[in-house]
Amino acid sequence: MIEKFAMSALVGTSLDFALRDCRIVNLVIIGIAMEIGIEPTVRSATDLGYVPVVLTDACGWGNPAAGERALETMKFIGEAVLMDVKRFA
């Protein structure tokens, strides 16, 4: 288990080290809060050289407007591959 203390799962945790040790480049990201945890993790992942894949229908949000805005920002910037679970499978 990796405890997360920042907005991004890759900041202040050992996750980045573990992924690099396993030579993982692509990250499939799902979660509870698009606007709070998922978007910051995607941004950090991109900055660190990973290719994040967000399964949009496996993500939630605390605030619908903020969640949609986060999703639109990721689409606009192109920092993640966005798809649904069915297409990923």
PDB file of N, CA and C in Angstrom:
ATOM      1  N   MET A   1       0.832  -1.171   0.000  1.00  0.00           N
ATOM      2  CA  MET A   1       0.000   0.000   0.000  1.00  0.00           C
ATOM      3  C   MET A   1       0.887   1.249   0.000  1.00  0.00           C
ATOM      4  N   ILE A   2       0.489   2.219  -0.772  1.00  0.00           N
ATOM      5  CA  ILE A   2       1.219   3.486  -0.837  1.00  0.00           C
ATOM      6  C   ILE A   2       0.298   4.583  -0.329  1.00  0.00           C
ATOM      7  N   GLU A   3       0.729   5.262   0.721  1.00  0.00           N
ATOM      8  CA  GLU A   3      -0.072   6.365   1.247  1.00  0.00           C
ATOM      9  C   GLU A   3       0.192   7.613   0.438  1.00  0.00           C
ATOM     10  N   LYS A   4      -0.865   8.337   0.147  1.00  0.00           N
ATOM     11  CA  LYS A   4      -0.782   9.542  -0.669  1.00  0.00           C
ATOM     12  C   LYS A   4      -1.065  10.753   0.208  1.00  0.00           C
ATOM     13  N   PHE A   5      -0.139  11.701   0.216  1.00  0.00           N
ATOM     14  CA  PHE A   5      -0.293  12.898   1.030  1.00  0.00           C
ATOM     15  C   PHE A   5      -0.442  14.165   0.199  1.00  0.00           C
ATOM     16  N   ALA A   6      -0.257  14.071  -1.093  1.00  0.00           N
ATOM     17  CA  ALA A   6      -0.354  15.221  -1.991  1.00  0.00           C
ATOM     18  C   ALA A   6      -1.476  14.970  -2.996  1.00  0.00           C
ATOM     19  N   MET A   7      -1.741  15.925  -3.837  1.00  0.00           N
ATOM     20  CA  MET A   7      -2.778  15.761  -4.853  1.00  0.00           C
ATOM     21  C   MET A   7      -2.417  14.652  -5.837  1.00  0.00           C
ATOM     22  N   SER A   8      -1.157  14.553  -6.206  1.00  0.00           N
ATOM     23  CA  SER A   8      -0.694  13.549  -7.154  1.00  0.00           C
ATOM     24  C   SER A   8      -0.215  12.305  -6.417  1.00  0.00           C
ATOM     25  N   ALA A   9      -0.551  11.154  -6.977  1.00  0.00           N
ATOM     26  CA  ALA A   9      -0.080   9.888  -6.398  1.00  0.00           C
ATOM     27  C   ALA A   9       1.421   9.687  -6.603  1.00  0.00           C
ATOM     28  N   LEU A  10       2.035  10.513  -7.433  1.00  0.00           N
ATOM     29  CA  LEU A  10       3.466  10.372  -7.729  1.00  0.00           C
ATOM     30  C   LEU A  10       4.345  11.340  -6.946  1.00  0.00           C
ATOM     31  N   VAL A  11       3.749  12.227  -6.182  1.00  0.00           N
ATOM     32  CA  VAL A  11       4.502  13.220  -5.419  1.00  0.00           C
ATOM     33  C   VAL A  11       4.518  12.816  -3.953  1.00  0.00           C
ATOM     34  N   GLY A  12       5.714  12.695  -3.398  1.00  0.00           N
ATOM     35  CA  GLY A  12       5.840  12.368  -1.985  1.00  0.00           C
ATOM     36  C   GLY A  12       5.555  10.915  -1.648  1.00  0.00           C
ATOM     37  N   THR A  13       5.547  10.048  -2.663  1.00  0.00           N
ATOM     38  CA  THR A  13       5.343   8.611  -2.430  1.00  0.00           C
ATOM     39  C   THR A  13       6.477   7.825  -3.081  1.00  0.00           C
ATOM     40  N   SER A  14       6.480   6.544  -2.846  1.00  0.00           N
ATOM     41  CA  SER A  14       7.486   5.691  -3.468  1.00  0.00           C
ATOM     42  C   SER A  14       6.993   5.104  -4.790  1.00  0.00           C
ATOM     43  N   LEU A  15       5.823   5.502  -5.245  1.00  0.00           N
ATOM     44  CA  LEU A  15       5.239   4.925  -6.457  1.00  0.00           C
ATOM     45  C   LEU A  15       6.118   5.135  -7.685  1.00  0.00           C
ATOM     46  N   ASP A  16       6.655   6.329  -7.873  1.00  0.00           N
ATOM     47  CA  ASP A  16       7.510   6.592  -9.032  1.00  0.00           C
ATOM     48  C   ASP A  16       8.723   5.657  -9.037  1.00  0.00           C
ATOM     49  N   PHE A  17       9.351   5.474  -7.877  1.00  0.00           N
ATOM     50  CA  PHE A  17      10.512   4.570  -7.787  1.00  0.00           C
ATOM     51  C   PHE A  17      10.122   3.142  -8.129  1.00  0.00           C
ATOM     52  N   ALA A  18       8.983   2.687  -7.614  1.00  0.00           N
ATOM     53  CA  ALA A  18       8.526   1.320  -7.873  1.00  0.00           C
ATOM     54  C   ALA A  18       8.223   1.115  -9.352  1.00  0.00           C
ATOM     55  N   LEU A  19       7.569   2.082  -9.977  1.00  0.00           N
ATOM     56  CA  LEU A  19       7.252   1.983 -11.406  1.00  0.00           C
ATOM     57  C   LEU A  19       8.520   1.952 -12.248  1.00  0.00           C
ATOM     58  N   ARG A  20       9.464   2.808 -11.927  1.00  0.00           N
ATOM     59  CA  ARG A  20      10.727   2.847 -12.685  1.00  0.00           C
ATOM     60  C   ARG A  20      11.524   1.548 -12.498  1.00  0.00           C
ATOM     61  N   ASP A  21      11.526   1.016 -11.280  1.00  0.00           N
ATOM     62  CA  ASP A  21      12.221  -0.252 -11.030  1.00  0.00           C
ATOM     63  C   ASP A  21      11.644  -1.380 -11.879  1.00  0.00           C
ATOM     64  N   CYS A  22      10.336  -1.323 -12.132  1.00  0.00           N
ATOM     65  CA  CYS A  22       9.656  -2.345 -12.953  1.00  0.00           C
ATOM     66  C   CYS A  22       9.641  -1.971 -14.435  1.00  0.00           C
ATOM     67  N   ARG A  23      10.276  -0.853 -14.777  1.00  0.00           N
ATOM     68  CA  ARG A  23      10.336  -0.356 -16.158  1.00  0.00           C
ATOM     69  C   ARG A  23       8.955  -0.139 -16.780  1.00  0.00           C
ATOM     70  N   ILE A  24       8.027   0.326 -15.960  1.00  0.00           N
ATOM     71  CA  ILE A  24       6.671   0.627 -16.424  1.00  0.00           C
ATOM     72  C   ILE A  24       6.652   2.036 -16.986  1.00  0.00           C
ATOM     73  N   VAL A  25       6.049   2.178 -18.152  1.00  0.00           N
ATOM     74  CA  VAL A  25       5.978   3.475 -18.817  1.00  0.00           C
ATOM     75  C   VAL A  25       4.533   3.964 -18.913  1.00  0.00           C
ATOM     76  N   ASN A  26       3.618   3.066 -19.163  1.00  0.00           N
ATOM     77  CA  ASN A  26       2.205   3.431 -19.291  1.00  0.00           C
ATOM     78  C   ASN A  26       1.490   3.234 -17.964  1.00  0.00           C
ATOM     79  N   LEU A  27       0.677   4.204 -17.581  1.00  0.00           N
ATOM     80  CA  LEU A  27      -0.102   4.108 -16.353  1.00  0.00           C
ATOM     81  C   LEU A  27      -1.586   4.174 -16.702  1.00  0.00           C
ATOM     82  N   VAL A  28      -2.346   3.200 -16.265  1.00  0.00           N
ATOM     83  CA  VAL A  28      -3.798   3.254 -16.408  1.00  0.00           C
ATOM     84  C   VAL A  28      -4.325   3.858 -15.120  1.00  0.00           C
ATOM     85  N   ILE A  29      -5.058   4.947 -15.254  1.00  0.00           N
ATOM     86  CA  ILE A  29      -5.483   5.712 -14.088  1.00  0.00           C
ATOM     87  C   ILE A  29      -7.004   5.704 -13.986  1.00  0.00           C
ATOM     88  N   ILE A  30      -7.490   5.325 -12.803  1.00  0.00           N
ATOM     89  CA  ILE A  30      -8.903   5.420 -12.444  1.00  0.00           C
ATOM     90  C   ILE A  30      -8.940   6.012 -11.046  1.00  0.00           C
ATOM     91  N   GLY A  31     -10.088   6.473 -10.621  1.00  0.00           N
ATOM     92  CA  GLY A  31     -10.138   7.006  -9.267  1.00  0.00           C
ATOM     93  C   GLY A  31     -11.452   7.653  -8.922  1.00  0.00           C
ATOM     94  N   ILE A  32     -11.462   8.204  -7.748  1.00  0.00           N
ATOM     95  CA  ILE A  32     -12.684   8.769  -7.180  1.00  0.00           C
ATOM     96  C   ILE A  32     -12.886  10.227  -7.581  1.00  0.00           C
ATOM     97  N   ALA A  33     -11.824  11.009  -7.633  1.00  0.00           N
ATOM     98  CA  ALA A  33     -11.974  12.454  -7.805  1.00  0.00           C
ATOM     99  C   ALA A  33     -11.148  12.973  -8.987  1.00  0.00           C
ATOM    100  N   MET A  34     -11.807  13.118 -10.122  1.00  0.00           N
ATOM    101  CA  MET A  34     -11.147  13.605 -11.343  1.00  0.00           C
ATOM    102  C   MET A  34     -10.430  14.923 -11.099  1.00  0.00           C
ATOM    103  N   GLU A  35     -11.088  15.840 -10.416  1.00  0.00           N
ATOM    104  CA  GLU A  35     -10.559  17.196 -10.262  1.00  0.00           C
ATOM    105  C   GLU A  35      -9.550  17.328  -9.130  1.00  0.00           C
ATOM    106  N   ILE A  36      -9.494  16.361  -8.235  1.00  0.00           N
ATOM    107  CA  ILE A  36      -8.619  16.481  -7.070  1.00  0.00           C
ATOM    108  C   ILE A  36      -7.419  15.543  -7.150  1.00  0.00           C
ATOM    109  N   GLY A  37      -7.608  14.309  -7.528  1.00  0.00           N
ATOM    110  CA  GLY A  37      -6.514  13.351  -7.541  1.00  0.00           C
ATOM    111  C   GLY A  37      -6.076  12.903  -8.922  1.00  0.00           C
ATOM    112  N   ILE A  38      -7.031  12.714  -9.809  1.00  0.00           N
ATOM    113  CA  ILE A  38      -6.703  12.158 -11.118  1.00  0.00           C
ATOM    114  C   ILE A  38      -5.969  13.163 -11.993  1.00  0.00           C
ATOM    115  N   GLU A  39      -6.508  14.357 -12.162  1.00  0.00           N
ATOM    116  CA  GLU A  39      -5.839  15.347 -13.019  1.00  0.00           C
ATOM    117  C   GLU A  39      -4.421  15.676 -12.527  1.00  0.00           C
ATOM    118  N   PRO A  40      -4.200  15.913 -11.217  1.00  0.00           N
ATOM    119  CA  PRO A  40      -2.829  16.165 -10.764  1.00  0.00           C
ATOM    120  C   PRO A  40      -1.897  14.977 -10.987  1.00  0.00           C
ATOM    121  N   THR A  41      -2.409  13.760 -10.829  1.00  0.00           N
ATOM    122  CA  THR A  41      -1.584  12.575 -11.063  1.00  0.00           C
ATOM    123  C   THR A  41      -1.224  12.461 -12.538  1.00  0.00           C
ATOM    124  N   VAL A  42      -2.178  12.746 -13.411  1.00  0.00           N
ATOM    125  CA  VAL A  42      -1.907  12.727 -14.858  1.00  0.00           C
ATOM    126  C   VAL A  42      -0.830  13.748 -15.201  1.00  0.00           C
ATOM    127  N   ARG A  43      -0.951  14.939 -14.656  1.00  0.00           N
ATOM    128  CA  ARG A  43       0.024  15.995 -14.945  1.00  0.00           C
ATOM    129  C   ARG A  43       1.421  15.598 -14.463  1.00  0.00           C
ATOM    130  N   SER A  44       1.516  15.059 -13.250  1.00  0.00           N
ATOM    131  CA  SER A  44       2.807  14.605 -12.726  1.00  0.00           C
ATOM    132  C   SER A  44       3.361  13.463 -13.561  1.00  0.00           C
ATOM    133  N   ALA A  45       2.498  12.527 -13.925  1.00  0.00           N
ATOM    134  CA  ALA A  45       2.933  11.379 -14.731  1.00  0.00           C
ATOM    135  C   ALA A  45       3.530  11.852 -16.055  1.00  0.00           C
ATOM    136  N   THR A  46       2.866  12.789 -16.696  1.00  0.00           N
ATOM    137  CA  THR A  46       3.355  13.328 -17.966  1.00  0.00           C
ATOM    138  C   THR A  46       4.707  14.009 -17.768  1.00  0.00           C
ATOM    139  N   ASP A  47       4.807  14.817 -16.715  1.00  0.00           N
ATOM    140  CA  ASP A  47       6.068  15.511 -16.429  1.00  0.00           C
ATOM    141  C   ASP A  47       7.214  14.540 -16.170  1.00  0.00           C
ATOM    142  N   LEU A  48       6.892  13.372 -15.610  1.00  0.00           N
ATOM    143  CA  LEU A  48       7.918  12.376 -15.282  1.00  0.00           C
ATOM    144  C   LEU A  48       8.214  11.418 -16.434  1.00  0.00           C
ATOM    145  N   GLY A  49       7.526  11.591 -17.559  1.00  0.00           N
ATOM    146  CA  GLY A  49       7.813  10.777 -18.730  1.00  0.00           C
ATOM    147  C   GLY A  49       6.933   9.553 -18.908  1.00  0.00           C
ATOM    148  N   TYR A  50       5.902   9.420 -18.097  1.00  0.00           N
ATOM    149  CA  TYR A  50       4.964   8.312 -18.263  1.00  0.00           C
ATOM    150  C   TYR A  50       3.914   8.671 -19.307  1.00  0.00           C
ATOM    151  N   VAL A  51       3.233   7.658 -19.810  1.00  0.00           N
ATOM    152  CA  VAL A  51       2.099   7.859 -20.712  1.00  0.00           C
ATOM    153  C   VAL A  51       0.847   7.456 -19.936  1.00  0.00           C
ATOM    154  N   PRO A  52       0.121   8.440 -19.400  1.00  0.00           N
ATOM    155  CA  PRO A  52      -1.070   8.108 -18.632  1.00  0.00           C
ATOM    156  C   PRO A  52      -2.269   7.798 -19.532  1.00  0.00           C
ATOM    157  N   VAL A  53      -3.013   6.770 -19.158  1.00  0.00           N
ATOM    158  CA  VAL A  53      -4.251   6.391 -19.833  1.00  0.00           C
ATOM    159  C   VAL A  53      -5.352   6.505 -18.782  1.00  0.00           C
ATOM    160  N   VAL A  54      -6.309   7.392 -19.006  1.00  0.00           N
ATOM    161  CA  VAL A  54      -7.398   7.599 -18.060  1.00  0.00           C
ATOM    162  C   VAL A  54      -8.644   6.885 -18.580  1.00  0.00           C
ATOM    163  N   LEU A  55      -9.168   5.968 -17.783  1.00  0.00           N
ATOM    164  CA  LEU A  55     -10.417   5.287 -18.128  1.00  0.00           C
ATOM    165  C   LEU A  55     -11.550   6.147 -17.573  1.00  0.00           C
ATOM    166  N   THR A  56     -12.087   6.978 -18.455  1.00  0.00           N
ATOM    167  CA  THR A  56     -12.992   8.052 -18.030  1.00  0.00           C
ATOM    168  C   THR A  56     -14.261   7.553 -17.348  1.00  0.00           C
ATOM    169  N   ASP A  57     -14.779   6.404 -17.759  1.00  0.00           N
ATOM    170  CA  ASP A  57     -16.007   5.917 -17.125  1.00  0.00           C
ATOM    171  C   ASP A  57     -15.729   5.116 -15.852  1.00  0.00           C
ATOM    172  N   ALA A  58     -14.478   5.058 -15.441  1.00  0.00           N
ATOM    173  CA  ALA A  58     -14.110   4.430 -14.171  1.00  0.00           C
ATOM    174  C   ALA A  58     -13.594   5.493 -13.199  1.00  0.00           C
ATOM    175  N   CYS A  59     -13.985   6.745 -13.459  1.00  0.00           N
ATOM    176  CA  CYS A  59     -13.570   7.868 -12.622  1.00  0.00           C
ATOM    177  C   CYS A  59     -14.802   8.617 -12.135  1.00  0.00           C
ATOM    178  N   GLY A  60     -14.681   9.153 -10.956  1.00  0.00           N
ATOM    179  CA  GLY A  60     -15.759   9.981 -10.415  1.00  0.00           C
ATOM    180  C   GLY A  60     -15.250  11.375 -10.153  1.00  0.00           C
ATOM    181  N   TRP A  61     -16.083  12.176  -9.523  1.00  0.00           N
ATOM    182  CA  TRP A  61     -15.697  13.533  -9.136  1.00  0.00           C
ATOM    183  C   TRP A  61     -16.539  13.985  -7.971  1.00  0.00           C
ATOM    184  N   GLY A  62     -15.997  14.908  -7.227  1.00  0.00           N
ATOM    185  CA  GLY A  62     -16.728  15.485  -6.105  1.00  0.00           C
ATOM    186  C   GLY A  62     -17.661  16.580  -6.570  1.00  0.00           C
ATOM    187  N   ASN A  63     -17.223  17.328  -7.546  1.00  0.00           N
ATOM    188  CA  ASN A  63     -17.999  18.433  -8.099  1.00  0.00           C
ATOM    189  C   ASN A  63     -18.121  18.196  -9.602  1.00  0.00           C
ATOM    190  N   PRO A  64     -19.337  17.963 -10.103  1.00  0.00           N
ATOM    191  CA  PRO A  64     -19.489  17.641 -11.529  1.00  0.00           C
ATOM    192  C   PRO A  64     -18.886  18.681 -12.479  1.00  0.00           C
ATOM    193  N   ALA A  65     -19.070  19.958 -12.199  1.00  0.00           N
ATOM    194  CA  ALA A  65     -18.529  21.000 -13.087  1.00  0.00           C
ATOM    195  C   ALA A  65     -17.000  20.974 -13.068  1.00  0.00           C
ATOM    196  N   ALA A  66     -16.409  20.818 -11.883  1.00  0.00           N
ATOM    197  CA  ALA A  66     -14.946  20.772 -11.777  1.00  0.00           C
ATOM    198  C   ALA A  66     -14.399  19.506 -12.433  1.00  0.00           C
ATOM    199  N   GLY A  67     -15.107  18.395 -12.283  1.00  0.00           N
ATOM    200  CA  GLY A  67     -14.684  17.147 -12.916  1.00  0.00           C
ATOM    201  C   GLY A  67     -14.696  17.247 -14.431  1.00  0.00           C
ATOM    202  N   GLU A  68     -15.741  17.827 -14.972  1.00  0.00           N
ATOM    203  CA  GLU A  68     -15.824  18.016 -16.424  1.00  0.00           C
ATOM    204  C   GLU A  68     -14.739  18.966 -16.912  1.00  0.00           C
ATOM    205  N   ARG A  69     -14.474  20.002 -16.137  1.00  0.00           N
ATOM    206  CA  ARG A  69     -13.419  20.966 -16.494  1.00  0.00           C
ATOM    207  C   ARG A  69     -12.053  20.271 -16.511  1.00  0.00           C
ATOM    208  N   ALA A  70     -11.799  19.423 -15.521  1.00  0.00           N
ATOM    209  CA  ALA A  70     -10.530  18.683 -15.470  1.00  0.00           C
ATOM    210  C   ALA A  70     -10.400  17.780 -16.690  1.00  0.00           C
ATOM    211  N   LEU A  71     -11.479  17.105 -17.049  1.00  0.00           N
ATOM    212  CA  LEU A  71     -11.468  16.222 -18.218  1.00  0.00           C
ATOM    213  C   LEU A  71     -11.228  17.017 -19.497  1.00  0.00           C
ATOM    214  N   GLU A  72     -11.895  18.144 -19.633  1.00  0.00           N
ATOM    215  CA  GLU A  72     -11.706  19.001 -20.812  1.00  0.00           C
ATOM    216  C   GLU A  72     -10.289  19.547 -20.883  1.00  0.00           C
ATOM    217  N   THR A  73      -9.701  19.868 -19.736  1.00  0.00           N
ATOM    218  CA  THR A  73      -8.314  20.350 -19.716  1.00  0.00           C
ATOM    219  C   THR A  73      -7.365  19.261 -20.201  1.00  0.00           C
ATOM    220  N   MET A  74      -7.569  18.034 -19.718  1.00  0.00           N
ATOM    221  CA  MET A  74      -6.706  16.933 -20.162  1.00  0.00           C
ATOM    222  C   MET A  74      -6.859  16.698 -21.661  1.00  0.00           C
ATOM    223  N   LYS A  75      -8.074  16.820 -22.183  1.00  0.00           N
ATOM    224  CA  LYS A  75      -8.305  16.673 -23.627  1.00  0.00           C
ATOM    225  C   LYS A  75      -7.587  17.780 -24.389  1.00  0.00           C
ATOM    226  N   PHE A  76      -7.731  19.015 -23.921  1.00  0.00           N
ATOM    227  CA  PHE A  76      -7.151  20.168 -24.603  1.00  0.00           C
ATOM    228  C   PHE A  76      -5.628  20.091 -24.636  1.00  0.00           C
ATOM    229  N   ILE A  77      -5.034  19.767 -23.498  1.00  0.00           N
ATOM    230  CA  ILE A  77      -3.573  19.718 -23.410  1.00  0.00           C
ATOM    231  C   ILE A  77      -3.021  18.478 -24.104  1.00  0.00           C
ATOM    232  N   GLY A  78      -3.787  17.407 -24.112  1.00  0.00           N
ATOM    233  CA  GLY A  78      -3.326  16.169 -24.734  1.00  0.00           C
ATOM    234  C   GLY A  78      -2.316  15.423 -23.886  1.00  0.00           C
ATOM    235  N   GLU A  79      -2.402  15.603 -22.574  1.00  0.00           N
ATOM    236  CA  GLU A  79      -1.416  14.991 -21.691  1.00  0.00           C
ATOM    237  C   GLU A  79      -1.734  13.562 -21.301  1.00  0.00           C
ATOM    238  N   ALA A  80      -2.877  13.035 -21.747  1.00  0.00           N
ATOM    239  CA  ALA A  80      -3.252  11.660 -21.410  1.00  0.00           C
ATOM    240  C   ALA A  80      -4.065  11.064 -22.546  1.00  0.00           C
ATOM    241  N   VAL A  81      -4.027   9.753 -22.620  1.00  0.00           N
ATOM    242  CA  VAL A  81      -4.925   9.032 -23.524  1.00  0.00           C
ATOM    243  C   VAL A  81      -6.213   8.835 -22.742  1.00  0.00           C
ATOM    244  N   LEU A  82      -7.320   9.303 -23.292  1.00  0.00           N
ATOM    245  CA  LEU A  82      -8.612   9.195 -22.617  1.00  0.00           C
ATOM    246  C   LEU A  82      -9.476   8.200 -23.352  1.00  0.00           C
ATOM    247  N   MET A  83      -9.998   7.222 -22.614  1.00  0.00           N
ATOM    248  CA  MET A  83     -10.875   6.230 -23.229  1.00  0.00           C
ATOM    249  C   MET A  83     -11.752   5.591 -22.168  1.00  0.00           C
ATOM    250  N   ASP A  84     -12.765   4.840 -22.627  1.00  0.00           N
ATOM    251  CA  ASP A  84     -13.619   4.144 -21.669  1.00  0.00           C
ATOM    252  C   ASP A  84     -13.108   2.726 -21.452  1.00  0.00           C
ATOM    253  N   VAL A  85     -13.660   2.078 -20.442  1.00  0.00           N
ATOM    254  CA  VAL A  85     -13.207   0.739 -20.051  1.00  0.00           C
ATOM    255  C   VAL A  85     -13.394  -0.258 -21.191  1.00  0.00           C
ATOM    256  N   LYS A  86     -14.517  -0.200 -21.881  1.00  0.00           N
ATOM    257  CA  LYS A  86     -14.796  -1.148 -22.956  1.00  0.00           C
ATOM    258  C   LYS A  86     -13.750  -1.043 -24.067  1.00  0.00           C
ATOM    259  N   ARG A  87     -13.406   0.175 -24.447  1.00  0.00           N
ATOM    260  CA  ARG A  87     -12.412   0.377 -25.494  1.00  0.00           C
ATOM    261  C   ARG A  87     -11.019  -0.083 -25.036  1.00  0.00           C
ATOM    262  N   PHE A  88     -10.722   0.091 -23.761  1.00  0.00           N
ATOM    263  CA  PHE A  88      -9.431  -0.328 -23.225  1.00  0.00           C
ATOM    264  C   PHE A  88      -9.302  -1.850 -23.223  1.00  0.00           C
ATOM    265  N   ALA A  89     -10.374  -2.506 -22.854  1.00  0.00           N
ATOM    266  CA  ALA A  89     -10.348  -3.977 -22.766  1.00  0.00           C
ATOM    267  C   ALA A  89     -10.204  -4.547 -24.150  1.00  0.00           C
TER     268      ALA A  89
END
